[in-house]
Amino acid sequence: MVKKIGQNLLVTCVITFTLTGINIGLSNFALNVWLRSWLIAASISLFMNLFLLPKLALKNKKKRKQRQITKHPS
């Protein structure tokens, strides 16, 4: 879980830094914009990975199991 969070933060850091650098250049102002963008992206990404995606994966797992039961009844 900690590894997943670390990867999440690193990926959002690289993506937001690249997009900020492309869009407004690298200046003192850009650092503030990048930090704000990174915080927003990281919070959304962490929320998705920690809360929503595991629930969706569990739901899909239950559906697959139900399909297997209906295809191969015992």
Protein backbone atom coordinates (compact mmCIF):
# COMPACT_ATOMS: atom_id res chain seq x y z
CA MET A 1 0.00 0.00 0.00
CA VAL A 2 2.82 2.41 0.88
CA LYS A 3 4.57 1.54 -2.40
CA LYS A 4 1.38 2.33 -4.32
CA ILE A 5 1.07 5.71 -2.59
CA GLY A 6 4.71 6.54 -3.33
CA GLN A 7 4.33 5.65 -6.99
CA ASN A 8 1.16 7.70 -7.13
CA LEU A 9 2.86 10.79 -5.74
CA LEU A 10 5.87 10.41 -8.04
CA VAL A 11 3.77 10.03 -11.17
CA THR A 12 1.59 13.05 -10.37
CA CYS A 13 4.73 15.06 -9.58
CA VAL A 14 6.31 14.31 -12.96
CA ILE A 15 3.12 14.89 -14.93
CA THR A 16 2.20 18.20 -13.28
CA PHE A 17 5.78 19.50 -13.41
CA THR A 18 6.03 18.70 -17.12
CA LEU A 19 2.68 20.28 -17.95
CA THR A 20 3.42 23.40 -15.89
CA GLY A 21 6.83 23.77 -17.53
CA ILE A 22 5.34 23.43 -21.00
CA ASN A 23 2.44 25.81 -20.39
CA ILE A 24 3.96 28.70 -18.44
CA GLY A 25 7.72 28.09 -18.41
CA LEU A 26 10.02 27.66 -15.44
CA SER A 27 10.02 30.76 -13.25
CA ASN A 28 9.38 31.60 -9.59
CA PHE A 29 5.69 31.98 -10.34
CA ALA A 30 5.66 28.57 -12.01
CA LEU A 31 6.81 26.91 -8.80
CA ASN A 32 3.72 28.15 -6.94
CA VAL A 33 1.44 27.11 -9.78
CA TRP A 34 3.11 23.72 -10.02
CA LEU A 35 2.85 23.08 -6.29
CA ARG A 36 -0.84 23.95 -6.26
CA SER A 37 -1.47 21.79 -9.34
CA TRP A 38 0.48 18.91 -7.85
CA LEU A 39 -1.44 19.05 -4.57
CA ILE A 40 -4.76 18.95 -6.39
CA ALA A 41 -3.67 16.12 -8.71
CA ALA A 42 -2.13 14.11 -5.87
CA SER A 43 -5.23 14.39 -3.71
CA ILE A 44 -7.52 13.29 -6.56
CA SER A 45 -5.18 10.47 -7.51
CA LEU A 46 -4.80 9.21 -3.95
CA PHE A 47 -8.55 9.31 -3.39
CA MET A 48 -9.13 7.31 -6.56
CA ASN A 49 -6.45 4.71 -5.80
CA LEU A 50 -7.23 4.26 -2.14
CA PHE A 51 -11.01 4.38 -2.09
CA LEU A 52 -12.72 4.10 -5.47
CA LEU A 53 -10.58 1.69 -7.47
CA PRO A 54 -10.43 -1.06 -4.82
CA LYS A 55 -14.23 -0.97 -4.52
CA LEU A 56 -14.61 -1.20 -8.29
CA ALA A 57 -12.13 -4.07 -8.45
CA LEU A 58 -14.02 -5.92 -5.72
CA LYS A 59 -17.31 -5.33 -7.51
CA ASN A 60 -15.88 -6.65 -10.79
CA LYS A 61 -14.41 -9.65 -9.00
CA LYS A 62 -17.84 -10.51 -7.59
CA LYS A 63 -19.41 -10.18 -11.05
CA ARG A 64 -16.79 -12.48 -12.60
CA LYS A 65 -17.33 -15.03 -9.86
CA GLN A 66 -21.10 -14.88 -10.40
CA ARG A 67 -20.63 -15.42 -14.16
CA GLN A 68 -18.45 -18.46 -13.51
CA ILE A 69 -21.10 -19.92 -11.23
CA THR A 70 -23.83 -19.46 -13.84
CA LYS A 71 -21.67 -20.94 -16.63
CA HIS A 72 -20.56 -23.97 -14.64
CA PRO A 73 -23.21 -24.89 -12.11
CA SER A 74 -22.14 -27.58 -9.65
